[in-house]
Amino acid sequence: MQAIIGTKIGMTQIIGEDGIVTPVTILSADPSTVTQIKTVAHDGYNAVQLGYGQGKNLSKSVSGHVKAAGVSPKILKEFRTADEPELKVGDKISVENFKLGDKVEVTGISKGKGYAGTVKRWNFIESRNTHGFKGNIRRVGSIGSGYPQKVWKGKKMPGRMGHDQVTVKNLIVAYIDTENNLIGVKGAVPGPKKGIVTVVLTEGKE
């Protein structure tokens, strides 16, 4: 299984031997520890649970759950697998499991923007600020319909913007530093700096 949990550091550039500049996002990915193995026979599906980071003040239930792995993780995440995993509790997964050119998908929590209106949230245009207009150029306007007399579910309206789980697919591994546990992917990944992300291999190097 080639999946790992990491922390977003930020973006930089890599200049190749051909002079082409590639934008990359650097992720700090200390080795993740296998804390649980799930199988079809026992749990109904195959999966591997990984622990990442150093947690503090773990609850008794979590402490007992990860005791066999000998770690106190800050983050626990589960990754489903097609076949029964060949790993065992306590194994380590690091950036060495990836190689340059691998195609991966990165999942993280996007930046939260707070409460936003429709112009910012949904790219609505402003109303005409013509003679005699009252100046409410950013208001939503009519939200109902003639029939049926209700507001349809999913109507684009003001509300909380951002802070959603976002997955970016078809990213390419462009940088690996096994000594410092760093991995770089071509392009941008969701979330702010120091945000937690998961990196999952989707396709090997062609």
N, C-alpha and C. Protein backbone atom coordinates (compact mmCIF):
# COMPACT_ATOMS: atom_id res chain seq x y z
N MET A 1 0.85 -1.20 0.00
CA MET A 1 0.00 0.00 0.00
C MET A 1 0.88 1.24 0.00
N GLN A 2 0.59 2.17 -0.91
CA GLN A 2 1.35 3.39 -1.02
C GLN A 2 0.47 4.58 -0.70
N ALA A 3 0.42 4.91 0.57
CA ALA A 3 -0.33 6.06 1.06
C ALA A 3 0.38 6.57 2.29
N ILE A 4 0.30 7.88 2.50
CA ILE A 4 1.01 8.47 3.63
C ILE A 4 0.28 9.74 4.07
N ILE A 5 0.47 10.09 5.32
CA ILE A 5 -0.11 11.31 5.88
C ILE A 5 1.02 12.32 6.05
N GLY A 6 0.76 13.58 5.74
CA GLY A 6 1.80 14.59 5.85
C GLY A 6 1.26 15.94 6.24
N THR A 7 2.17 16.89 6.39
CA THR A 7 1.84 18.27 6.75
C THR A 7 2.31 19.19 5.62
N LYS A 8 1.43 20.07 5.19
CA LYS A 8 1.78 21.00 4.12
C LYS A 8 2.74 22.07 4.62
N ILE A 9 3.87 22.21 3.95
CA ILE A 9 4.86 23.24 4.31
C ILE A 9 4.66 24.50 3.49
N GLY A 10 4.50 24.34 2.19
CA GLY A 10 4.32 25.50 1.32
C GLY A 10 4.74 25.16 -0.10
N MET A 11 4.76 26.18 -0.96
CA MET A 11 5.10 25.98 -2.36
C MET A 11 6.46 26.58 -2.69
N THR A 12 7.11 25.98 -3.67
CA THR A 12 8.40 26.47 -4.15
C THR A 12 8.53 26.10 -5.61
N GLN A 13 9.73 26.23 -6.16
CA GLN A 13 9.97 25.91 -7.57
C GLN A 13 11.17 24.99 -7.69
N ILE A 14 11.12 24.13 -8.68
CA ILE A 14 12.25 23.26 -9.00
C ILE A 14 12.65 23.53 -10.44
N ILE A 15 13.93 23.78 -10.66
CA ILE A 15 14.45 24.03 -12.00
C ILE A 15 15.13 22.76 -12.49
N GLY A 16 14.60 22.19 -13.57
CA GLY A 16 15.15 20.96 -14.11
C GLY A 16 16.41 21.19 -14.93
N GLU A 17 17.03 20.10 -15.34
CA GLU A 17 18.26 20.18 -16.14
C GLU A 17 18.00 20.82 -17.50
N ASP A 18 16.73 20.75 -17.95
CA ASP A 18 16.39 21.37 -19.24
C ASP A 18 16.00 22.83 -19.09
N GLY A 19 16.09 23.35 -17.85
CA GLY A 19 15.77 24.75 -17.60
C GLY A 19 14.31 25.03 -17.33
N ILE A 20 13.46 24.01 -17.37
CA ILE A 20 12.03 24.21 -17.13
C ILE A 20 11.77 24.35 -15.64
N VAL A 21 11.00 25.37 -15.27
CA VAL A 21 10.66 25.62 -13.87
C VAL A 21 9.33 24.93 -13.55
N THR A 22 9.35 24.12 -12.49
CA THR A 22 8.16 23.37 -12.09
C THR A 22 7.71 23.82 -10.72
N PRO A 23 6.45 24.29 -10.58
CA PRO A 23 5.93 24.66 -9.25
C PRO A 23 5.57 23.40 -8.47
N VAL A 24 6.04 23.30 -7.25
CA VAL A 24 5.77 22.12 -6.42
C VAL A 24 5.32 22.54 -5.03
N THR A 25 4.51 21.70 -4.41
CA THR A 25 4.12 21.86 -3.02
C THR A 25 4.90 20.86 -2.19
N ILE A 26 5.59 21.35 -1.18
CA ILE A 26 6.42 20.50 -0.33
C ILE A 26 5.60 20.05 0.88
N LEU A 27 5.63 18.75 1.14
CA LEU A 27 4.93 18.16 2.27
C LEU A 27 5.93 17.48 3.18
N SER A 28 5.79 17.71 4.47
CA SER A 28 6.60 17.01 5.46
C SER A 28 5.85 15.75 5.86
N ALA A 29 6.44 14.60 5.57
CA ALA A 29 5.74 13.33 5.80
C ALA A 29 6.62 12.40 6.61
N ASP A 30 6.62 12.59 7.92
CA ASP A 30 7.32 11.66 8.80
C ASP A 30 6.67 10.28 8.66
N PRO A 31 7.44 9.22 8.90
CA PRO A 31 6.88 7.87 8.74
C PRO A 31 5.58 7.67 9.51
N SER A 32 4.59 7.12 8.83
CA SER A 32 3.31 6.78 9.46
C SER A 32 3.37 5.34 9.94
N THR A 33 2.70 5.06 11.05
CA THR A 33 2.72 3.74 11.66
C THR A 33 1.38 3.04 11.46
N VAL A 34 1.44 1.78 11.08
CA VAL A 34 0.22 0.99 10.93
C VAL A 34 -0.33 0.68 12.32
N THR A 35 -1.54 1.15 12.59
CA THR A 35 -2.16 0.96 13.91
C THR A 35 -3.27 -0.09 13.89
N GLN A 36 -3.79 -0.42 12.70
CA GLN A 36 -4.84 -1.43 12.62
C GLN A 36 -4.92 -1.98 11.21
N ILE A 37 -5.21 -3.27 11.09
CA ILE A 37 -5.42 -3.93 9.81
C ILE A 37 -6.85 -4.46 9.78
N LYS A 38 -7.58 -4.14 8.73
CA LYS A 38 -8.94 -4.64 8.58
C LYS A 38 -9.02 -5.55 7.37
N THR A 39 -9.75 -6.64 7.51
CA THR A 39 -9.89 -7.61 6.43
C THR A 39 -11.37 -7.89 6.18
N VAL A 40 -11.63 -8.47 5.00
CA VAL A 40 -13.01 -8.80 4.64
C VAL A 40 -13.59 -9.82 5.61
N ALA A 41 -12.78 -10.80 6.00
CA ALA A 41 -13.27 -11.86 6.87
C ALA A 41 -13.68 -11.33 8.24
N HIS A 42 -12.94 -10.35 8.75
CA HIS A 42 -13.19 -9.87 10.12
C HIS A 42 -14.05 -8.61 10.15
N ASP A 43 -13.83 -7.69 9.19
CA ASP A 43 -14.49 -6.38 9.23
C ASP A 43 -15.43 -6.12 8.05
N GLY A 44 -15.40 -6.99 7.06
CA GLY A 44 -16.26 -6.79 5.90
C GLY A 44 -15.60 -6.07 4.75
N TYR A 45 -14.40 -5.52 4.96
CA TYR A 45 -13.67 -4.85 3.89
C TYR A 45 -12.19 -4.80 4.27
N ASN A 46 -11.35 -4.56 3.27
CA ASN A 46 -9.91 -4.48 3.50
C ASN A 46 -9.49 -3.03 3.67
N ALA A 47 -8.69 -2.77 4.68
CA ALA A 47 -8.22 -1.40 4.92
C ALA A 47 -7.01 -1.43 5.85
N VAL A 48 -6.28 -0.32 5.81
CA VAL A 48 -5.14 -0.11 6.70
C VAL A 48 -5.33 1.22 7.40
N GLN A 49 -5.19 1.23 8.71
CA GLN A 49 -5.28 2.47 9.48
C GLN A 49 -3.88 2.93 9.85
N LEU A 50 -3.58 4.19 9.55
CA LEU A 50 -2.25 4.76 9.82
C LEU A 50 -2.34 5.82 10.91
N GLY A 51 -1.30 5.89 11.72
CA GLY A 51 -1.18 6.91 12.74
C GLY A 51 -0.05 7.85 12.38
N TYR A 52 -0.27 9.15 12.59
CA TYR A 52 0.72 10.16 12.19
C TYR A 52 0.89 11.18 13.30
N GLY A 53 2.12 11.63 13.49
CA GLY A 53 2.39 12.68 14.46
C GLY A 53 2.50 12.15 15.88
N GLN A 54 2.69 13.09 16.80
CA GLN A 54 2.82 12.78 18.22
C GLN A 54 1.69 13.46 18.96
N GLY A 55 0.75 12.68 19.44
CA GLY A 55 -0.40 13.24 20.13
C GLY A 55 -0.16 13.42 21.62
N LYS A 56 -1.00 14.25 22.23
CA LYS A 56 -0.93 14.50 23.68
C LYS A 56 -2.30 14.24 24.29
N ASN A 57 -2.29 13.76 25.52
CA ASN A 57 -3.51 13.55 26.29
C ASN A 57 -4.52 12.69 25.52
N LEU A 58 -4.06 11.55 25.02
CA LEU A 58 -4.96 10.64 24.32
C LEU A 58 -5.97 10.05 25.30
N SER A 59 -7.18 9.83 24.82
CA SER A 59 -8.19 9.20 25.66
C SER A 59 -7.80 7.74 25.92
N LYS A 60 -8.40 7.15 26.94
CA LYS A 60 -8.06 5.77 27.28
C LYS A 60 -8.43 4.81 26.15
N SER A 61 -9.52 5.10 25.47
CA SER A 61 -9.93 4.22 24.37
C SER A 61 -8.93 4.26 23.22
N VAL A 62 -8.47 5.47 22.86
CA VAL A 62 -7.49 5.59 21.78
C VAL A 62 -6.14 5.02 22.21
N SER A 63 -5.74 5.27 23.44
CA SER A 63 -4.47 4.74 23.94
C SER A 63 -4.47 3.22 23.89
N GLY A 64 -5.58 2.61 24.29
CA GLY A 64 -5.66 1.16 24.23
C GLY A 64 -5.68 0.65 22.80
N HIS A 65 -6.28 1.43 21.90
CA HIS A 65 -6.37 1.01 20.50
C HIS A 65 -4.99 0.97 19.84
N VAL A 66 -4.13 1.94 20.15
CA VAL A 66 -2.83 2.04 19.48
C VAL A 66 -1.71 1.42 20.31
N LYS A 67 -2.03 0.80 21.43
CA LYS A 67 -1.00 0.25 22.32
C LYS A 67 -0.15 -0.80 21.61
N ALA A 68 -0.79 -1.63 20.79
CA ALA A 68 -0.05 -2.69 20.10
C ALA A 68 0.97 -2.14 19.12
N ALA A 69 0.69 -0.94 18.57
CA ALA A 69 1.62 -0.33 17.61
C ALA A 69 2.76 0.40 18.31
N GLY A 70 2.60 0.67 19.61
CA GLY A 70 3.66 1.34 20.36
C GLY A 70 3.83 2.80 20.02
N VAL A 71 2.75 3.49 19.63
CA VAL A 71 2.84 4.90 19.27
C VAL A 71 1.71 5.66 19.94
N SER A 72 1.82 6.99 19.91
CA SER A 72 0.76 7.89 20.41
C SER A 72 0.47 8.91 19.32
N PRO A 73 -0.25 8.51 18.28
CA PRO A 73 -0.43 9.39 17.11
C PRO A 73 -1.38 10.54 17.38
N LYS A 74 -1.13 11.62 16.65
CA LYS A 74 -2.01 12.78 16.69
C LYS A 74 -3.18 12.61 15.73
N ILE A 75 -2.92 11.93 14.62
CA ILE A 75 -3.92 11.74 13.58
C ILE A 75 -4.05 10.25 13.27
N LEU A 76 -5.27 9.78 13.12
CA LEU A 76 -5.55 8.42 12.67
C LEU A 76 -6.39 8.50 11.40
N LYS A 77 -5.93 7.83 10.34
CA LYS A 77 -6.70 7.82 9.09
C LYS A 77 -6.68 6.42 8.51
N GLU A 78 -7.80 6.09 7.87
CA GLU A 78 -7.96 4.75 7.30
C GLU A 78 -7.95 4.81 5.78
N PHE A 79 -7.26 3.85 5.17
CA PHE A 79 -7.15 3.78 3.72
C PHE A 79 -7.62 2.40 3.27
N ARG A 80 -8.62 2.36 2.43
CA ARG A 80 -9.12 1.09 1.94
C ARG A 80 -8.20 0.53 0.86
N THR A 81 -8.12 -0.79 0.79
CA THR A 81 -7.29 -1.47 -0.19
C THR A 81 -8.13 -2.50 -0.92
N ALA A 82 -7.73 -2.81 -2.17
CA ALA A 82 -8.48 -3.79 -2.96
C ALA A 82 -8.27 -5.20 -2.43
N ASP A 83 -7.02 -5.51 -2.07
CA ASP A 83 -6.69 -6.84 -1.57
C ASP A 83 -6.37 -6.78 -0.08
N GLU A 84 -6.28 -7.96 0.52
CA GLU A 84 -5.95 -8.02 1.94
C GLU A 84 -4.54 -7.49 2.16
N PRO A 85 -4.36 -6.54 3.05
CA PRO A 85 -3.03 -5.94 3.25
C PRO A 85 -2.01 -6.95 3.73
N GLU A 86 -0.77 -6.80 3.24
CA GLU A 86 0.32 -7.66 3.66
C GLU A 86 1.12 -7.04 4.79
N LEU A 87 0.64 -5.92 5.32
CA LEU A 87 1.32 -5.25 6.42
C LEU A 87 0.88 -5.84 7.75
N LYS A 88 1.56 -5.43 8.81
CA LYS A 88 1.16 -5.82 10.15
C LYS A 88 1.25 -4.61 11.06
N VAL A 89 0.56 -4.66 12.18
CA VAL A 89 0.55 -3.54 13.12
C VAL A 89 1.96 -3.23 13.59
N GLY A 90 2.32 -1.95 13.53
CA GLY A 90 3.65 -1.52 13.93
C GLY A 90 4.57 -1.21 12.76
N ASP A 91 4.21 -1.64 11.54
CA ASP A 91 5.03 -1.34 10.36
C ASP A 91 5.03 0.16 10.08
N LYS A 92 6.11 0.62 9.45
CA LYS A 92 6.26 2.03 9.10
C LYS A 92 6.11 2.22 7.60
N ILE A 93 5.45 3.32 7.22
CA ILE A 93 5.32 3.70 5.82
C ILE A 93 5.88 5.11 5.67
N SER A 94 6.87 5.28 4.79
CA SER A 94 7.55 6.57 4.64
C SER A 94 7.53 7.00 3.19
N VAL A 95 8.19 8.12 2.91
CA VAL A 95 8.24 8.64 1.54
C VAL A 95 9.03 7.72 0.62
N GLU A 96 9.78 6.78 1.20
CA GLU A 96 10.53 5.83 0.38
C GLU A 96 9.60 4.93 -0.43
N ASN A 97 8.34 4.85 -0.04
CA ASN A 97 7.37 4.04 -0.78
C ASN A 97 6.97 4.68 -2.09
N PHE A 98 7.34 5.95 -2.30
CA PHE A 98 7.01 6.65 -3.53
C PHE A 98 8.28 6.86 -4.35
N LYS A 99 8.09 7.14 -5.63
CA LYS A 99 9.21 7.43 -6.52
C LYS A 99 8.83 8.56 -7.46
N LEU A 100 9.83 9.20 -8.03
CA LEU A 100 9.58 10.32 -8.93
C LEU A 100 8.75 9.86 -10.13
N GLY A 101 7.75 10.66 -10.47
CA GLY A 101 6.89 10.33 -11.59
C GLY A 101 5.61 9.64 -11.21
N ASP A 102 5.48 9.23 -9.94
CA ASP A 102 4.24 8.59 -9.51
C ASP A 102 3.07 9.56 -9.61
N LYS A 103 1.91 9.06 -9.99
CA LYS A 103 0.71 9.87 -10.04
C LYS A 103 -0.09 9.64 -8.75
N VAL A 104 -0.38 10.72 -8.05
CA VAL A 104 -1.02 10.60 -6.74
C VAL A 104 -2.23 11.54 -6.67
N GLU A 105 -3.06 11.32 -5.65
CA GLU A 105 -4.13 12.24 -5.32
C GLU A 105 -3.94 12.69 -3.88
N VAL A 106 -4.13 13.97 -3.65
CA VAL A 106 -3.90 14.57 -2.33
C VAL A 106 -5.22 15.10 -1.80
N THR A 107 -5.53 14.74 -0.56
CA THR A 107 -6.78 15.17 0.08
C THR A 107 -6.47 16.01 1.31
N GLY A 108 -7.15 17.14 1.45
CA GLY A 108 -6.96 18.00 2.61
C GLY A 108 -8.20 18.84 2.84
N ILE A 109 -8.16 19.64 3.89
CA ILE A 109 -9.26 20.54 4.22
C ILE A 109 -8.91 21.93 3.67
N SER A 110 -9.78 22.47 2.81
CA SER A 110 -9.51 23.75 2.18
C SER A 110 -9.55 24.88 3.20
N LYS A 111 -8.99 26.02 2.84
CA LYS A 111 -8.97 27.18 3.72
C LYS A 111 -10.39 27.65 4.00
N GLY A 112 -10.66 27.96 5.26
CA GLY A 112 -11.96 28.49 5.63
C GLY A 112 -12.03 29.99 5.36
N LYS A 113 -13.10 30.45 4.71
CA LYS A 113 -13.26 31.86 4.38
C LYS A 113 -14.32 32.55 5.24
N GLY A 114 -14.93 31.80 6.17
CA GLY A 114 -15.96 32.39 7.01
C GLY A 114 -17.27 32.56 6.27
N TYR A 115 -18.14 33.40 6.83
CA TYR A 115 -19.45 33.67 6.22
C TYR A 115 -19.26 34.59 5.03
N ALA A 116 -19.76 34.18 3.88
CA ALA A 116 -19.56 34.96 2.66
C ALA A 116 -20.87 35.14 1.92
N GLY A 117 -20.97 36.24 1.20
CA GLY A 117 -22.15 36.51 0.38
C GLY A 117 -22.08 35.78 -0.95
N THR A 118 -23.10 35.96 -1.76
CA THR A 118 -23.17 35.22 -3.01
C THR A 118 -22.16 35.70 -4.05
N VAL A 119 -21.77 36.96 -4.00
CA VAL A 119 -20.81 37.47 -4.98
C VAL A 119 -19.46 36.80 -4.79
N LYS A 120 -19.04 36.66 -3.53
CA LYS A 120 -17.75 36.01 -3.25
C LYS A 120 -17.86 34.49 -3.31
N ARG A 121 -18.97 33.96 -2.80
CA ARG A 121 -19.10 32.51 -2.67
C ARG A 121 -19.43 31.81 -3.99
N TRP A 122 -20.30 32.43 -4.79
CA TRP A 122 -20.78 31.79 -6.01
C TRP A 122 -20.49 32.59 -7.27
N ASN A 123 -19.72 33.68 -7.16
CA ASN A 123 -19.36 34.51 -8.31
C ASN A 123 -20.58 35.15 -8.97
N PHE A 124 -21.61 35.50 -8.16
CA PHE A 124 -22.74 36.23 -8.70
C PHE A 124 -22.29 37.63 -9.13
N ILE A 125 -22.98 38.19 -10.14
CA ILE A 125 -22.68 39.57 -10.53
C ILE A 125 -23.49 40.52 -9.64
N GLU A 126 -23.01 41.75 -9.53
CA GLU A 126 -23.73 42.76 -8.75
C GLU A 126 -24.90 43.31 -9.55
N SER A 127 -25.88 43.85 -8.83
CA SER A 127 -27.02 44.47 -9.50
C SER A 127 -26.61 45.79 -10.15
N ARG A 128 -27.44 46.31 -11.03
CA ARG A 128 -27.14 47.58 -11.71
C ARG A 128 -27.24 48.74 -10.72
N ASN A 129 -26.22 49.53 -10.66
CA ASN A 129 -26.20 50.69 -9.75
C ASN A 129 -26.58 51.94 -10.56
N THR A 130 -27.82 51.92 -11.03
CA THR A 130 -28.29 53.01 -11.90
C THR A 130 -29.06 54.05 -11.10
N HIS A 131 -29.52 55.11 -11.79
CA HIS A 131 -30.25 56.20 -11.14
C HIS A 131 -31.53 55.68 -10.49
N GLY A 132 -31.73 56.06 -9.26
CA GLY A 132 -32.92 55.62 -8.55
C GLY A 132 -32.76 54.31 -7.80
N PHE A 133 -31.61 53.62 -7.98
CA PHE A 133 -31.39 52.35 -7.29
C PHE A 133 -31.05 52.61 -5.83
N LYS A 134 -31.44 51.73 -4.94
CA LYS A 134 -31.28 51.95 -3.52
C LYS A 134 -29.88 51.59 -3.00
N GLY A 135 -29.02 51.05 -3.84
CA GLY A 135 -27.64 50.81 -3.45
C GLY A 135 -27.33 49.41 -2.94
N ASN A 136 -28.35 48.52 -2.86
CA ASN A 136 -28.10 47.15 -2.41
C ASN A 136 -27.65 46.27 -3.59
N ILE A 137 -26.48 46.61 -4.10
CA ILE A 137 -26.04 45.95 -5.34
C ILE A 137 -25.53 44.54 -5.12
N ARG A 138 -25.28 44.13 -3.87
CA ARG A 138 -24.75 42.80 -3.62
C ARG A 138 -25.78 41.85 -2.97
N ARG A 139 -27.02 42.29 -2.86
CA ARG A 139 -28.03 41.44 -2.25
C ARG A 139 -28.44 40.32 -3.20
N VAL A 140 -29.03 39.27 -2.67
CA VAL A 140 -29.33 38.08 -3.47
C VAL A 140 -30.46 38.33 -4.45
N GLY A 141 -31.53 38.95 -4.01
CA GLY A 141 -32.68 39.11 -4.87
C GLY A 141 -33.69 37.99 -4.62
N SER A 142 -34.57 37.75 -5.53
CA SER A 142 -35.60 36.73 -5.36
C SER A 142 -34.98 35.35 -5.26
N ILE A 143 -35.48 34.54 -4.31
CA ILE A 143 -34.94 33.20 -4.13
C ILE A 143 -36.01 32.12 -4.32
N GLY A 144 -37.27 32.52 -4.45
CA GLY A 144 -38.35 31.55 -4.59
C GLY A 144 -38.75 31.36 -6.04
N SER A 145 -39.84 30.64 -6.23
CA SER A 145 -40.35 30.38 -7.57
C SER A 145 -41.86 30.55 -7.57
N GLY A 146 -42.44 30.75 -8.74
CA GLY A 146 -43.89 30.90 -8.82
C GLY A 146 -44.60 29.62 -8.44
N TYR A 147 -44.09 28.49 -8.94
CA TYR A 147 -44.64 27.20 -8.56
C TYR A 147 -43.54 26.15 -8.65
N PRO A 148 -43.36 25.29 -7.67
CA PRO A 148 -44.04 25.30 -6.36
C PRO A 148 -43.53 26.43 -5.48
N GLN A 149 -44.36 26.85 -4.54
CA GLN A 149 -44.02 27.99 -3.70
C GLN A 149 -43.06 27.56 -2.59
N LYS A 150 -41.82 27.42 -2.96
CA LYS A 150 -40.80 27.01 -1.98
C LYS A 150 -39.43 27.38 -2.52
N VAL A 151 -38.42 27.31 -1.64
CA VAL A 151 -37.03 27.51 -2.04
C VAL A 151 -36.42 26.13 -2.28
N TRP A 152 -35.92 25.89 -3.47
CA TRP A 152 -35.39 24.59 -3.81
C TRP A 152 -34.14 24.27 -3.00
N LYS A 153 -34.02 23.02 -2.61
CA LYS A 153 -32.84 22.57 -1.89
C LYS A 153 -31.60 22.73 -2.76
N GLY A 154 -30.52 23.25 -2.15
CA GLY A 154 -29.29 23.48 -2.91
C GLY A 154 -29.20 24.85 -3.53
N LYS A 155 -30.17 25.72 -3.24
CA LYS A 155 -30.16 27.07 -3.79
C LYS A 155 -28.89 27.80 -3.36
N LYS A 156 -28.26 28.47 -4.31
CA LYS A 156 -27.02 29.19 -4.01
C LYS A 156 -27.34 30.46 -3.23
N MET A 157 -26.90 30.48 -1.97
CA MET A 157 -27.20 31.59 -1.08
C MET A 157 -25.99 31.90 -0.23
N PRO A 158 -26.01 33.01 0.53
CA PRO A 158 -24.89 33.29 1.43
C PRO A 158 -24.73 32.19 2.46
N GLY A 159 -23.52 32.00 2.97
CA GLY A 159 -23.28 30.97 3.98
C GLY A 159 -21.79 30.76 4.19
N ARG A 160 -21.49 29.72 4.95
CA ARG A 160 -20.09 29.41 5.25
C ARG A 160 -19.36 28.98 3.99
N MET A 161 -18.20 29.55 3.78
CA MET A 161 -17.43 29.28 2.58
C MET A 161 -16.10 28.64 2.95
N GLY A 162 -15.75 27.59 2.24
CA GLY A 162 -14.47 26.92 2.50
C GLY A 162 -14.55 25.91 3.63
N HIS A 163 -13.38 25.48 4.09
CA HIS A 163 -13.25 24.47 5.15
C HIS A 163 -13.99 23.19 4.78
N ASP A 164 -13.80 22.76 3.54
CA ASP A 164 -14.39 21.53 3.05
C ASP A 164 -13.29 20.55 2.66
N GLN A 165 -13.60 19.27 2.71
CA GLN A 165 -12.64 18.27 2.27
C GLN A 165 -12.53 18.31 0.75
N VAL A 166 -11.31 18.50 0.26
CA VAL A 166 -11.07 18.63 -1.18
C VAL A 166 -9.99 17.63 -1.59
N THR A 167 -10.21 16.96 -2.71
CA THR A 167 -9.23 16.03 -3.26
C THR A 167 -8.78 16.52 -4.62
N VAL A 168 -7.47 16.65 -4.79
CA VAL A 168 -6.89 17.04 -6.08
C VAL A 168 -6.23 15.80 -6.68
N LYS A 169 -6.67 15.43 -7.88
CA LYS A 169 -6.19 14.20 -8.51
C LYS A 169 -5.16 14.51 -9.59
N ASN A 170 -4.50 13.46 -10.03
CA ASN A 170 -3.55 13.52 -11.15
C ASN A 170 -2.36 14.44 -10.87
N LEU A 171 -1.91 14.48 -9.62
CA LEU A 171 -0.69 15.20 -9.30
C LEU A 171 0.52 14.28 -9.46
N ILE A 172 1.65 14.85 -9.81
CA ILE A 172 2.85 14.08 -10.08
C ILE A 172 3.88 14.32 -8.98
N VAL A 173 4.48 13.24 -8.48
CA VAL A 173 5.56 13.38 -7.50
C VAL A 173 6.80 13.90 -8.22
N ALA A 174 7.24 15.10 -7.83
CA ALA A 174 8.36 15.75 -8.51
C ALA A 174 9.60 15.87 -7.64
N TYR A 175 9.48 15.57 -6.35
CA TYR A 175 10.63 15.75 -5.44
C TYR A 175 10.48 14.79 -4.27
N ILE A 176 11.58 14.14 -3.90
CA ILE A 176 11.59 13.25 -2.74
C ILE A 176 12.90 13.44 -1.99
N ASP A 177 12.81 13.66 -0.69
CA ASP A 177 13.98 13.78 0.18
C ASP A 177 13.79 12.79 1.33
N THR A 178 14.36 11.59 1.18
CA THR A 178 14.17 10.55 2.18
C THR A 178 14.88 10.87 3.49
N GLU A 179 15.95 11.66 3.42
CA GLU A 179 16.71 11.98 4.63
C GLU A 179 15.90 12.88 5.56
N ASN A 180 15.18 13.85 4.97
CA ASN A 180 14.39 14.80 5.77
C ASN A 180 12.89 14.51 5.72
N ASN A 181 12.51 13.36 5.14
CA ASN A 181 11.10 12.94 5.06
C ASN A 181 10.24 14.00 4.37
N LEU A 182 10.69 14.46 3.21
CA LEU A 182 9.96 15.45 2.44
C LEU A 182 9.53 14.85 1.11
N ILE A 183 8.35 15.25 0.66
CA ILE A 183 7.86 14.84 -0.66
C ILE A 183 7.23 16.06 -1.31
N GLY A 184 7.51 16.25 -2.60
CA GLY A 184 6.97 17.39 -3.33
C GLY A 184 6.13 16.92 -4.51
N VAL A 185 4.94 17.52 -4.67
CA VAL A 185 4.06 17.17 -5.78
C VAL A 185 3.90 18.39 -6.68
N LYS A 186 3.83 18.14 -7.97
CA LYS A 186 3.68 19.21 -8.94
C LYS A 186 2.31 19.84 -8.83
N GLY A 187 2.27 21.15 -8.61
CA GLY A 187 1.02 21.86 -8.51
C GLY A 187 0.65 22.19 -7.08
N ALA A 188 -0.59 22.62 -6.88
CA ALA A 188 -1.07 23.06 -5.58
C ALA A 188 -1.93 21.98 -4.94
N VAL A 189 -1.94 21.97 -3.61
CA VAL A 189 -2.78 21.04 -2.85
C VAL A 189 -3.67 21.86 -1.92
N PRO A 190 -4.81 21.32 -1.53
CA PRO A 190 -5.75 22.10 -0.70
C PRO A 190 -5.23 22.32 0.71
N GLY A 191 -5.71 23.40 1.33
CA GLY A 191 -5.42 23.65 2.74
C GLY A 191 -4.37 24.70 2.96
N PRO A 192 -4.30 25.21 4.19
CA PRO A 192 -3.28 26.22 4.54
C PRO A 192 -1.96 25.55 4.90
N LYS A 193 -0.95 26.36 5.14
CA LYS A 193 0.30 25.84 5.65
C LYS A 193 0.08 25.18 7.01
N LYS A 194 0.78 24.12 7.27
CA LYS A 194 0.66 23.29 8.48
C LYS A 194 -0.63 22.46 8.49
N GLY A 195 -1.34 22.46 7.37
CA GLY A 195 -2.55 21.63 7.28
C GLY A 195 -2.18 20.17 7.03
N ILE A 196 -3.03 19.27 7.54
CA ILE A 196 -2.81 17.84 7.39
C ILE A 196 -3.40 17.37 6.06
N VAL A 197 -2.62 16.61 5.29
CA VAL A 197 -3.09 16.08 4.00
C VAL A 197 -2.73 14.60 3.92
N THR A 198 -3.42 13.91 3.04
CA THR A 198 -3.10 12.51 2.75
C THR A 198 -2.69 12.39 1.30
N VAL A 199 -1.69 11.56 1.05
CA VAL A 199 -1.17 11.33 -0.30
C VAL A 199 -1.37 9.86 -0.62
N VAL A 200 -2.10 9.58 -1.71
CA VAL A 200 -2.39 8.19 -2.08
C VAL A 200 -1.96 7.96 -3.52
N LEU A 201 -1.22 6.89 -3.75
CA LEU A 201 -0.79 6.56 -5.10
C LEU A 201 -1.98 6.08 -5.92
N THR A 202 -2.12 6.62 -7.13
CA THR A 202 -3.19 6.20 -8.02
C THR A 202 -2.65 5.50 -9.26
N GLU A 203 -1.42 5.84 -9.64
CA GLU A 203 -0.86 5.22 -10.85
C GLU A 203 0.65 5.38 -10.80
N GLY A 204 1.36 4.33 -11.21
CA GLY A 204 2.81 4.36 -11.19
C GLY A 204 3.38 5.12 -12.36
N LYS A 205 4.68 5.22 -12.39
CA LYS A 205 5.39 5.95 -13.44
C LYS A 205 5.22 5.24 -14.76
N GLU A 206 4.91 6.02 -15.80
CA GLU A 206 4.70 5.42 -17.12
C GLU A 206 6.03 5.15 -17.81
